[in-house]
Amino acid sequence: MFARFRPFLPAAVLASLIFYFGFQALTGDRGLLSLSQRNETLAAKKGELARLQAQRRDLEARAKLMRDGDLSRDLVEERARYLLGFSDPRDYVIHTRP
């Protein structure tokens, strides 16, 4: 019975491989149908990168002000009050939620 289908076996294997790789090219992780999802993820990651770079620049500027040669008394006082939870009696304190 299988002898009758033996000549068609290589063609069937090749057709199944073509179907499998074609299906994966469309619907796989890196397929054509997931291109828009990857672009959305890329845009979100670029936004996060820009936010982190701005945060890093801010932290570097603040760290520069805390170095020995360029010590900013206002910044040191602000950080000490924040970390210790103290405030000057003349200060207005506005509590905000994080």
C-alpha atoms as a PDB file:
ATOM      1  CA  MET A   1       0.000   0.000   0.000  1.00  0.00           C
ATOM      2  CA  PHE A   2       2.851   2.406   0.857  1.00  0.00           C
ATOM      3  CA  ALA A   3       4.714   1.432  -2.281  1.00  0.00           C
ATOM      4  CA  ARG A   4       2.085   3.283  -4.278  1.00  0.00           C
ATOM      5  CA  PHE A   5       2.753   6.551  -2.392  1.00  0.00           C
ATOM      6  CA  ARG A   6       6.539   6.183  -2.284  1.00  0.00           C
ATOM      7  CA  PRO A   7       7.211   8.382  -5.370  1.00  0.00           C
ATOM      8  CA  PHE A   8       5.199  11.215  -3.784  1.00  0.00           C
ATOM      9  CA  LEU A   9       6.961  11.043  -0.404  1.00  0.00           C
ATOM     10  CA  PRO A  10       9.795  13.548  -1.176  1.00  0.00           C
ATOM     11  CA  ALA A  11       7.278  16.006  -2.630  1.00  0.00           C
ATOM     12  CA  ALA A  12       5.027  15.640   0.446  1.00  0.00           C
ATOM     13  CA  VAL A  13       7.962  16.216   2.827  1.00  0.00           C
ATOM     14  CA  LEU A  14       9.074  19.246   0.828  1.00  0.00           C
ATOM     15  CA  ALA A  15       5.520  20.634   0.744  1.00  0.00           C
ATOM     16  CA  SER A  16       5.135  20.174   4.493  1.00  0.00           C
ATOM     17  CA  LEU A  17       8.478  21.950   5.119  1.00  0.00           C
ATOM     18  CA  ILE A  18       7.445  24.829   2.862  1.00  0.00           C
ATOM     19  CA  PHE A  19       4.125  25.097   4.695  1.00  0.00           C
ATOM     20  CA  TYR A  20       5.813  25.024   8.119  1.00  0.00           C
ATOM     21  CA  PHE A  21       8.396  27.702   7.322  1.00  0.00           C
ATOM     22  CA  GLY A  22       5.810  29.834   5.540  1.00  0.00           C
ATOM     23  CA  PHE A  23       3.499  29.634   8.549  1.00  0.00           C
ATOM     24  CA  GLN A  24       6.351  30.574  10.891  1.00  0.00           C
ATOM     25  CA  ALA A  25       7.337  33.478   8.619  1.00  0.00           C
ATOM     26  CA  LEU A  26       3.839  34.891   9.035  1.00  0.00           C
ATOM     27  CA  THR A  27       2.944  34.102  12.640  1.00  0.00           C
ATOM     28  CA  GLY A  28       6.212  33.388  14.463  1.00  0.00           C
ATOM     29  CA  ASP A  29       7.912  35.596  17.057  1.00  0.00           C
ATOM     30  CA  ARG A  30       9.698  37.500  14.313  1.00  0.00           C
ATOM     31  CA  GLY A  31       6.992  37.009  11.705  1.00  0.00           C
ATOM     32  CA  LEU A  32       5.345  39.551   9.473  1.00  0.00           C
ATOM     33  CA  LEU A  33       2.140  39.689  11.504  1.00  0.00           C
ATOM     34  CA  SER A  34       3.982  40.585  14.717  1.00  0.00           C
ATOM     35  CA  LEU A  35       5.784  43.534  13.120  1.00  0.00           C
ATOM     36  CA  SER A  36       3.363  46.139  14.485  1.00  0.00           C
ATOM     37  CA  GLN A  37       3.642  44.699  18.000  1.00  0.00           C
ATOM     38  CA  ARG A  38       7.435  44.871  17.798  1.00  0.00           C
ATOM     39  CA  ASN A  39       7.256  48.479  16.594  1.00  0.00           C
ATOM     40  CA  GLU A  40       4.999  49.398  19.545  1.00  0.00           C
ATOM     41  CA  THR A  41       7.396  47.701  21.962  1.00  0.00           C
ATOM     42  CA  LEU A  42      10.327  49.502  20.349  1.00  0.00           C
ATOM     43  CA  ALA A  43       8.594  52.880  20.694  1.00  0.00           C
ATOM     44  CA  ALA A  44       7.817  52.180  24.366  1.00  0.00           C
ATOM     45  CA  LYS A  45      11.423  51.158  25.035  1.00  0.00           C
ATOM     46  CA  LYS A  46      12.725  54.290  23.289  1.00  0.00           C
ATOM     47  CA  GLY A  47      10.490  56.421  25.509  1.00  0.00           C
ATOM     48  CA  GLU A  48      11.732  54.611  28.591  1.00  0.00           C
ATOM     49  CA  LEU A  49      15.334  55.084  27.431  1.00  0.00           C
ATOM     50  CA  ALA A  50      14.805  58.826  26.979  1.00  0.00           C
ATOM     51  CA  ARG A  51      13.250  59.072  30.458  1.00  0.00           C
ATOM     52  CA  LEU A  52      16.132  57.140  32.027  1.00  0.00           C
ATOM     53  CA  GLN A  53      18.729  59.255  30.227  1.00  0.00           C
ATOM     54  CA  ALA A  54      17.086  62.454  31.497  1.00  0.00           C
ATOM     55  CA  GLN A  55      16.986  61.014  35.006  1.00  0.00           C
ATOM     56  CA  ARG A  56      20.662  60.091  34.757  1.00  0.00           C
ATOM     57  CA  ARG A  57      21.622  63.582  33.594  1.00  0.00           C
ATOM     58  CA  ASP A  58      19.728  65.042  36.554  1.00  0.00           C
ATOM     59  CA  LEU A  59      21.420  62.679  38.999  1.00  0.00           C
ATOM     60  CA  GLU A  60      24.849  63.431  37.526  1.00  0.00           C
ATOM     61  CA  ALA A  61      24.231  67.174  37.888  1.00  0.00           C
ATOM     62  CA  ARG A  62      23.150  66.709  41.493  1.00  0.00           C
ATOM     63  CA  ALA A  63      26.154  64.484  42.227  1.00  0.00           C
ATOM     64  CA  LYS A  64      28.456  67.115  40.731  1.00  0.00           C
ATOM     65  CA  LEU A  65      27.037  69.657  43.179  1.00  0.00           C
ATOM     66  CA  MET A  66      27.736  67.289  46.093  1.00  0.00           C
ATOM     67  CA  ARG A  67      31.468  66.853  45.327  1.00  0.00           C
ATOM     68  CA  ASP A  68      34.035  68.324  47.695  1.00  0.00           C
ATOM     69  CA  GLY A  69      35.236  71.085  45.385  1.00  0.00           C
ATOM     70  CA  ASP A  70      31.784  72.293  44.340  1.00  0.00           C
ATOM     71  CA  LEU A  71      29.776  71.589  47.473  1.00  0.00           C
ATOM     72  CA  SER A  72      26.382  73.277  47.354  1.00  0.00           C
ATOM     73  CA  ARG A  73      25.168  74.033  50.867  1.00  0.00           C
ATOM     74  CA  ASP A  74      21.553  74.299  49.727  1.00  0.00           C
ATOM     75  CA  LEU A  75      21.609  70.863  48.161  1.00  0.00           C
ATOM     76  CA  VAL A  76      23.247  69.291  51.213  1.00  0.00           C
ATOM     77  CA  GLU A  77      20.670  70.943  53.481  1.00  0.00           C
ATOM     78  CA  GLU A  78      17.816  69.800  51.252  1.00  0.00           C
ATOM     79  CA  ARG A  79      19.041  66.194  51.203  1.00  0.00           C
ATOM     80  CA  ALA A  80      19.636  66.168  54.966  1.00  0.00           C
ATOM     81  CA  ARG A  81      16.137  67.462  55.657  1.00  0.00           C
ATOM     82  CA  TYR A  82      14.617  64.965  53.258  1.00  0.00           C
ATOM     83  CA  LEU A  83      16.506  61.980  54.664  1.00  0.00           C
ATOM     84  CA  LEU A  84      16.071  62.934  58.329  1.00  0.00           C
ATOM     85  CA  GLY A  85      12.492  64.137  57.978  1.00  0.00           C
ATOM     86  CA  PHE A  86      13.177  67.584  59.479  1.00  0.00           C
ATOM     87  CA  SER A  87      11.954  70.941  58.306  1.00  0.00           C
ATOM     88  CA  ASP A  88      12.605  74.525  59.241  1.00  0.00           C
ATOM     89  CA  PRO A  89       9.789  76.147  61.269  1.00  0.00           C
ATOM     90  CA  ARG A  90       9.556  78.815  58.572  1.00  0.00           C
ATOM     91  CA  ASP A  91       9.093  76.271  55.771  1.00  0.00           C
ATOM     92  CA  TYR A  92       5.788  75.487  54.154  1.00  0.00           C
ATOM     93  CA  VAL A  93       5.412  71.722  53.860  1.00  0.00           C
ATOM     94  CA  ILE A  94       3.150  70.316  51.163  1.00  0.00           C
ATOM     95  CA  HIS A  95       2.644  66.564  51.325  1.00  0.00           C
ATOM     96  CA  THR A  96       2.126  64.830  48.013  1.00  0.00           C
ATOM     97  CA  ARG A  97       1.563  61.219  47.212  1.00  0.00           C
ATOM     98  CA  PRO A  98       4.279  59.446  45.214  1.00  0.00           C
END
